[in-house]
Amino acid sequence: MKKLIALSMLVVGLIAVSTVRAHEKVKLTGYVVDVVCAADHTKDTPEDATKFAAEHTKECDLMEECVKGGYGVFADGKWYPFDAKGNTLAKALFEKTAKKDHIKATVEGMKHEGKILVERLTEAE
């Protein structure tokens, strides 16, 4: 019986550790871009990807096809797609900003299975 209890506690501990590791907290600042346009640039060099993302326009980000595809951020030379909440927040950011391009944001959330589970998205300078 004691072995069963000890084994159960070990399993619960391992599950807790794996859950924490699967949801790594992140705070990134970079250029927000729609997935449709970003797809061709995710394998670019960090410099080329950043240049593309900086020059990408708000007008394109708000096109129907681009809105449907969702959004993500190029930060630190890497591409991070958003979850559904992040997509909604990104669209709202594009609708609100006065900028036409060079739209930079800080995203806070959890990294999970290659995506950012967005908790907060704010325009950055």
N, C-alpha and C. Protein backbone atom coordinates (compact mmCIF):
# COMPACT_ATOMS: atom_id res chain seq x y z
N MET A 1 0.82 -1.19 0.00
CA MET A 1 0.00 0.00 0.00
C MET A 1 0.87 1.27 0.00
N LYS A 2 1.93 1.26 0.82
CA LYS A 2 2.81 2.42 0.88
C LYS A 2 3.50 2.65 -0.45
N LYS A 3 3.86 1.55 -1.12
CA LYS A 3 4.50 1.67 -2.44
C LYS A 3 3.54 2.28 -3.45
N LEU A 4 2.27 1.90 -3.38
CA LEU A 4 1.26 2.43 -4.29
C LEU A 4 1.07 3.94 -4.08
N ILE A 5 1.04 4.35 -2.84
CA ILE A 5 0.90 5.78 -2.51
C ILE A 5 2.13 6.55 -3.00
N ALA A 6 3.31 6.02 -2.76
CA ALA A 6 4.55 6.67 -3.19
C ALA A 6 4.60 6.78 -4.71
N LEU A 7 4.20 5.72 -5.40
CA LEU A 7 4.18 5.72 -6.85
C LEU A 7 3.17 6.74 -7.38
N SER A 8 2.02 6.81 -6.76
CA SER A 8 0.99 7.79 -7.16
C SER A 8 1.49 9.22 -7.00
N MET A 9 2.17 9.47 -5.89
CA MET A 9 2.71 10.82 -5.65
C MET A 9 3.77 11.16 -6.68
N LEU A 10 4.59 10.20 -7.05
CA LEU A 10 5.62 10.41 -8.06
C LEU A 10 4.99 10.75 -9.41
N VAL A 11 3.95 10.02 -9.80
CA VAL A 11 3.26 10.27 -11.06
C VAL A 11 2.64 11.67 -11.07
N VAL A 12 1.98 12.03 -10.00
CA VAL A 12 1.37 13.37 -9.90
C VAL A 12 2.45 14.45 -10.01
N GLY A 13 3.58 14.25 -9.36
CA GLY A 13 4.69 15.20 -9.43
C GLY A 13 5.22 15.34 -10.85
N LEU A 14 5.37 14.23 -11.54
CA LEU A 14 5.86 14.28 -12.93
C LEU A 14 4.88 15.00 -13.85
N ILE A 15 3.61 14.77 -13.66
CA ILE A 15 2.58 15.45 -14.46
C ILE A 15 2.64 16.95 -14.20
N ALA A 16 2.77 17.35 -12.96
CA ALA A 16 2.83 18.78 -12.62
C ALA A 16 4.05 19.43 -13.26
N VAL A 17 5.19 18.78 -13.21
CA VAL A 17 6.41 19.33 -13.80
C VAL A 17 6.27 19.44 -15.31
N SER A 18 5.71 18.43 -15.97
CA SER A 18 5.57 18.48 -17.42
C SER A 18 4.58 19.55 -17.85
N THR A 19 3.54 19.79 -17.06
CA THR A 19 2.57 20.83 -17.38
C THR A 19 3.21 22.20 -17.28
N VAL A 20 4.00 22.44 -16.27
CA VAL A 20 4.68 23.72 -16.10
C VAL A 20 5.65 23.95 -17.26
N ARG A 21 6.40 22.94 -17.63
CA ARG A 21 7.37 23.07 -18.71
C ARG A 21 6.67 23.28 -20.06
N ALA A 22 5.49 22.69 -20.25
CA ALA A 22 4.77 22.80 -21.51
C ALA A 22 4.20 24.20 -21.72
N HIS A 23 4.04 24.94 -20.66
CA HIS A 23 3.49 26.29 -20.74
C HIS A 23 4.52 27.28 -20.19
N GLU A 24 5.52 27.56 -20.98
CA GLU A 24 6.60 28.47 -20.58
C GLU A 24 6.15 29.92 -20.76
N LYS A 25 6.25 30.72 -19.70
CA LYS A 25 5.88 32.14 -19.78
C LYS A 25 6.82 32.87 -20.73
N VAL A 26 6.24 33.76 -21.54
CA VAL A 26 7.05 34.55 -22.46
C VAL A 26 6.57 36.00 -22.48
N LYS A 27 7.52 36.86 -22.77
CA LYS A 27 7.24 38.27 -23.03
C LYS A 27 8.18 38.65 -24.16
N LEU A 28 7.59 38.90 -25.34
CA LEU A 28 8.36 39.19 -26.53
C LEU A 28 7.94 40.52 -27.13
N THR A 29 8.88 41.23 -27.71
CA THR A 29 8.57 42.44 -28.45
C THR A 29 9.08 42.26 -29.86
N GLY A 30 8.18 42.49 -30.81
CA GLY A 30 8.55 42.34 -32.21
C GLY A 30 7.47 42.87 -33.12
N TYR A 31 7.60 42.55 -34.41
CA TYR A 31 6.65 43.03 -35.41
C TYR A 31 5.53 42.02 -35.60
N VAL A 32 4.29 42.48 -35.51
CA VAL A 32 3.12 41.62 -35.68
C VAL A 32 2.78 41.57 -37.16
N VAL A 33 2.56 40.34 -37.66
CA VAL A 33 2.30 40.11 -39.08
C VAL A 33 1.28 38.98 -39.19
N ASP A 34 0.49 39.02 -40.28
CA ASP A 34 -0.46 37.94 -40.51
C ASP A 34 0.27 36.67 -40.96
N VAL A 35 -0.32 35.53 -40.66
CA VAL A 35 0.27 34.22 -40.96
C VAL A 35 0.44 34.00 -42.46
N VAL A 36 -0.53 34.44 -43.26
CA VAL A 36 -0.49 34.23 -44.71
C VAL A 36 0.79 34.82 -45.30
N CYS A 37 1.09 36.03 -44.95
CA CYS A 37 2.28 36.70 -45.48
C CYS A 37 3.57 36.22 -44.80
N ALA A 38 3.48 35.90 -43.53
CA ALA A 38 4.67 35.47 -42.79
C ALA A 38 5.18 34.11 -43.25
N ALA A 39 4.29 33.28 -43.79
CA ALA A 39 4.65 31.91 -44.16
C ALA A 39 5.87 31.86 -45.08
N ASP A 40 5.99 32.80 -45.98
CA ASP A 40 7.11 32.81 -46.92
C ASP A 40 8.41 33.30 -46.29
N HIS A 41 8.37 33.78 -45.06
CA HIS A 41 9.54 34.40 -44.46
C HIS A 41 10.01 33.74 -43.17
N THR A 42 9.35 32.68 -42.73
CA THR A 42 9.73 32.05 -41.46
C THR A 42 11.09 31.37 -41.52
N LYS A 43 11.58 31.07 -42.70
CA LYS A 43 12.89 30.42 -42.84
C LYS A 43 13.97 31.42 -43.27
N ASP A 44 13.60 32.69 -43.41
CA ASP A 44 14.58 33.72 -43.76
C ASP A 44 15.62 33.86 -42.64
N THR A 45 16.71 34.55 -42.96
CA THR A 45 17.66 34.89 -41.92
C THR A 45 16.95 35.83 -40.94
N PRO A 46 17.38 35.88 -39.70
CA PRO A 46 16.72 36.78 -38.74
C PRO A 46 16.66 38.23 -39.23
N GLU A 47 17.72 38.67 -39.90
CA GLU A 47 17.74 40.05 -40.40
C GLU A 47 16.69 40.26 -41.50
N ASP A 48 16.62 39.31 -42.44
CA ASP A 48 15.66 39.43 -43.53
C ASP A 48 14.22 39.32 -43.03
N ALA A 49 13.99 38.41 -42.09
CA ALA A 49 12.65 38.25 -41.53
C ALA A 49 12.21 39.52 -40.80
N THR A 50 13.12 40.11 -40.05
CA THR A 50 12.81 41.34 -39.32
C THR A 50 12.54 42.49 -40.29
N LYS A 51 13.34 42.58 -41.35
CA LYS A 51 13.13 43.64 -42.35
C LYS A 51 11.76 43.49 -43.01
N PHE A 52 11.43 42.25 -43.41
CA PHE A 52 10.11 42.00 -44.01
C PHE A 52 9.00 42.41 -43.05
N ALA A 53 9.09 41.94 -41.80
CA ALA A 53 8.04 42.19 -40.81
C ALA A 53 7.88 43.67 -40.53
N ALA A 54 8.98 44.40 -40.45
CA ALA A 54 8.92 45.84 -40.17
C ALA A 54 8.22 46.59 -41.30
N GLU A 55 8.47 46.16 -42.53
CA GLU A 55 7.91 46.86 -43.69
C GLU A 55 6.51 46.38 -44.07
N HIS A 56 6.04 45.32 -43.44
CA HIS A 56 4.71 44.79 -43.75
C HIS A 56 3.65 45.81 -43.35
N THR A 57 2.60 45.95 -44.15
CA THR A 57 1.65 47.03 -43.93
C THR A 57 0.40 46.62 -43.17
N LYS A 58 -0.13 47.58 -42.48
CA LYS A 58 -1.40 47.45 -41.78
C LYS A 58 -2.50 47.11 -42.77
N GLU A 59 -2.47 47.74 -43.94
CA GLU A 59 -3.48 47.49 -44.96
C GLU A 59 -3.55 46.01 -45.32
N CYS A 60 -2.40 45.38 -45.50
CA CYS A 60 -2.36 43.95 -45.82
C CYS A 60 -2.86 43.13 -44.63
N ASP A 61 -2.41 43.47 -43.43
CA ASP A 61 -2.80 42.72 -42.23
C ASP A 61 -4.31 42.69 -42.02
N LEU A 62 -5.00 43.69 -42.55
CA LEU A 62 -6.45 43.77 -42.37
C LEU A 62 -7.25 43.25 -43.57
N MET A 63 -6.55 42.70 -44.58
CA MET A 63 -7.26 42.09 -45.71
C MET A 63 -7.98 40.84 -45.21
N GLU A 64 -9.14 40.55 -45.77
CA GLU A 64 -9.98 39.44 -45.30
C GLU A 64 -9.21 38.11 -45.19
N GLU A 65 -8.46 37.76 -46.22
CA GLU A 65 -7.71 36.49 -46.21
C GLU A 65 -6.67 36.48 -45.09
N CYS A 66 -6.03 37.61 -44.88
CA CYS A 66 -4.99 37.70 -43.85
C CYS A 66 -5.59 37.63 -42.44
N VAL A 67 -6.74 38.27 -42.24
CA VAL A 67 -7.42 38.21 -40.95
C VAL A 67 -7.82 36.76 -40.65
N LYS A 68 -8.36 36.07 -41.64
CA LYS A 68 -8.77 34.67 -41.45
C LYS A 68 -7.59 33.76 -41.12
N GLY A 69 -6.42 34.07 -41.66
CA GLY A 69 -5.24 33.24 -41.42
C GLY A 69 -4.66 33.38 -40.03
N GLY A 70 -4.95 34.48 -39.36
CA GLY A 70 -4.44 34.71 -38.02
C GLY A 70 -3.14 35.50 -38.05
N TYR A 71 -2.55 35.67 -36.87
CA TYR A 71 -1.38 36.52 -36.71
C TYR A 71 -0.31 35.86 -35.85
N GLY A 72 0.82 36.51 -35.83
CA GLY A 72 1.93 36.10 -34.99
C GLY A 72 2.92 37.24 -34.90
N VAL A 73 4.06 36.97 -34.29
CA VAL A 73 5.06 38.01 -34.11
C VAL A 73 6.43 37.48 -34.52
N PHE A 74 7.18 38.32 -35.23
CA PHE A 74 8.59 38.06 -35.49
C PHE A 74 9.35 38.77 -34.36
N ALA A 75 9.97 38.00 -33.50
CA ALA A 75 10.72 38.56 -32.37
C ALA A 75 12.02 37.79 -32.21
N ASP A 76 13.08 38.50 -31.98
CA ASP A 76 14.39 37.87 -31.78
C ASP A 76 14.75 36.96 -32.94
N GLY A 77 14.33 37.35 -34.15
CA GLY A 77 14.67 36.59 -35.34
C GLY A 77 13.87 35.32 -35.54
N LYS A 78 12.83 35.11 -34.76
CA LYS A 78 12.01 33.90 -34.87
C LYS A 78 10.54 34.27 -35.04
N TRP A 79 9.79 33.31 -35.56
CA TRP A 79 8.35 33.48 -35.78
C TRP A 79 7.57 32.75 -34.70
N TYR A 80 6.59 33.44 -34.09
CA TYR A 80 5.74 32.86 -33.06
C TYR A 80 4.28 33.14 -33.42
N PRO A 81 3.53 32.12 -33.87
CA PRO A 81 2.11 32.33 -34.17
C PRO A 81 1.29 32.46 -32.89
N PHE A 82 0.15 33.14 -33.01
CA PHE A 82 -0.74 33.37 -31.87
C PHE A 82 -1.87 32.35 -31.83
N ASP A 83 -2.49 32.24 -30.66
CA ASP A 83 -3.72 31.47 -30.50
C ASP A 83 -4.90 32.36 -30.92
N ALA A 84 -6.12 31.86 -30.77
CA ALA A 84 -7.32 32.60 -31.20
C ALA A 84 -7.45 33.95 -30.48
N LYS A 85 -7.19 33.98 -29.18
CA LYS A 85 -7.27 35.25 -28.43
C LYS A 85 -6.24 36.24 -28.96
N GLY A 86 -5.03 35.75 -29.22
CA GLY A 86 -3.99 36.61 -29.77
C GLY A 86 -4.38 37.18 -31.13
N ASN A 87 -5.04 36.35 -31.96
CA ASN A 87 -5.49 36.82 -33.26
C ASN A 87 -6.50 37.96 -33.12
N THR A 88 -7.41 37.82 -32.18
CA THR A 88 -8.41 38.86 -31.93
C THR A 88 -7.75 40.14 -31.43
N LEU A 89 -6.80 40.00 -30.52
CA LEU A 89 -6.10 41.17 -29.99
C LEU A 89 -5.24 41.84 -31.06
N ALA A 90 -4.61 41.06 -31.93
CA ALA A 90 -3.79 41.62 -33.00
C ALA A 90 -4.64 42.40 -33.99
N LYS A 91 -5.78 41.84 -34.37
CA LYS A 91 -6.68 42.55 -35.30
C LYS A 91 -7.10 43.88 -34.69
N ALA A 92 -7.45 43.87 -33.41
CA ALA A 92 -7.85 45.11 -32.72
C ALA A 92 -6.69 46.11 -32.71
N LEU A 93 -5.47 45.63 -32.52
CA LEU A 93 -4.30 46.50 -32.53
C LEU A 93 -4.15 47.17 -33.91
N PHE A 94 -4.30 46.38 -34.97
CA PHE A 94 -4.19 46.95 -36.33
C PHE A 94 -5.28 47.97 -36.60
N GLU A 95 -6.48 47.70 -36.14
CA GLU A 95 -7.60 48.63 -36.35
C GLU A 95 -7.40 49.93 -35.58
N LYS A 96 -6.70 49.87 -34.46
CA LYS A 96 -6.52 51.04 -33.59
C LYS A 96 -5.30 51.89 -33.94
N THR A 97 -4.21 51.26 -34.38
CA THR A 97 -2.97 52.00 -34.57
C THR A 97 -3.06 53.01 -35.72
N ALA A 98 -2.33 54.10 -35.55
CA ALA A 98 -2.24 55.11 -36.61
C ALA A 98 -1.11 54.78 -37.58
N LYS A 99 -0.25 53.84 -37.23
CA LYS A 99 0.87 53.48 -38.08
C LYS A 99 0.40 52.71 -39.31
N LYS A 100 1.13 52.88 -40.41
CA LYS A 100 0.83 52.14 -41.63
C LYS A 100 1.72 50.92 -41.78
N ASP A 101 2.89 50.94 -41.16
CA ASP A 101 3.83 49.82 -41.15
C ASP A 101 4.71 49.96 -39.91
N HIS A 102 5.72 49.12 -39.79
CA HIS A 102 6.59 49.12 -38.60
C HIS A 102 5.74 49.02 -37.33
N ILE A 103 4.79 48.09 -37.35
CA ILE A 103 3.87 47.92 -36.22
C ILE A 103 4.45 46.90 -35.26
N LYS A 104 4.96 47.42 -34.18
CA LYS A 104 5.66 46.62 -33.18
C LYS A 104 4.77 46.47 -31.95
N ALA A 105 4.82 45.29 -31.33
CA ALA A 105 4.00 45.05 -30.15
C ALA A 105 4.76 44.20 -29.15
N THR A 106 4.32 44.30 -27.91
CA THR A 106 4.82 43.42 -26.86
C THR A 106 3.71 42.43 -26.57
N VAL A 107 4.05 41.16 -26.65
CA VAL A 107 3.10 40.08 -26.38
C VAL A 107 3.52 39.35 -25.12
N GLU A 108 2.55 39.12 -24.26
CA GLU A 108 2.79 38.38 -23.03
C GLU A 108 1.85 37.19 -23.01
N GLY A 109 2.38 36.05 -22.61
CA GLY A 109 1.54 34.86 -22.55
C GLY A 109 2.37 33.63 -22.22
N MET A 110 1.90 32.52 -22.75
CA MET A 110 2.55 31.23 -22.50
C MET A 110 2.87 30.58 -23.84
N LYS A 111 4.09 30.05 -23.94
CA LYS A 111 4.46 29.32 -25.14
C LYS A 111 4.01 27.88 -24.96
N HIS A 112 3.26 27.38 -25.95
CA HIS A 112 2.75 26.01 -25.87
C HIS A 112 2.65 25.41 -27.26
N GLU A 113 3.38 24.33 -27.47
CA GLU A 113 3.35 23.59 -28.73
C GLU A 113 3.55 24.50 -29.93
N GLY A 114 4.54 25.38 -29.85
CA GLY A 114 4.90 26.23 -30.97
C GLY A 114 4.07 27.50 -31.12
N LYS A 115 3.06 27.69 -30.31
CA LYS A 115 2.22 28.88 -30.38
C LYS A 115 2.35 29.70 -29.10
N ILE A 116 1.92 30.95 -29.20
CA ILE A 116 1.83 31.79 -28.02
C ILE A 116 0.36 31.85 -27.61
N LEU A 117 0.08 31.43 -26.39
CA LEU A 117 -1.26 31.58 -25.82
C LEU A 117 -1.26 32.98 -25.22
N VAL A 118 -1.80 33.92 -25.96
CA VAL A 118 -1.66 35.34 -25.65
C VAL A 118 -2.56 35.75 -24.50
N GLU A 119 -1.94 36.39 -23.52
CA GLU A 119 -2.69 36.96 -22.39
C GLU A 119 -2.85 38.48 -22.59
N ARG A 120 -1.83 39.10 -23.20
CA ARG A 120 -1.83 40.56 -23.34
C ARG A 120 -1.01 40.93 -24.58
N LEU A 121 -1.51 41.91 -25.34
CA LEU A 121 -0.82 42.41 -26.53
C LEU A 121 -0.93 43.93 -26.54
N THR A 122 0.21 44.62 -26.49
CA THR A 122 0.20 46.08 -26.47
C THR A 122 1.16 46.63 -27.50
N GLU A 123 0.77 47.72 -28.12
CA GLU A 123 1.64 48.35 -29.12
C GLU A 123 2.91 48.86 -28.44
N ALA A 124 4.02 48.67 -29.09
CA ALA A 124 5.32 49.11 -28.58
C ALA A 124 5.90 50.15 -29.53
N GLU A 125 6.85 50.90 -29.05
CA GLU A 125 7.52 51.91 -29.89
C GLU A 125 8.62 51.30 -30.69
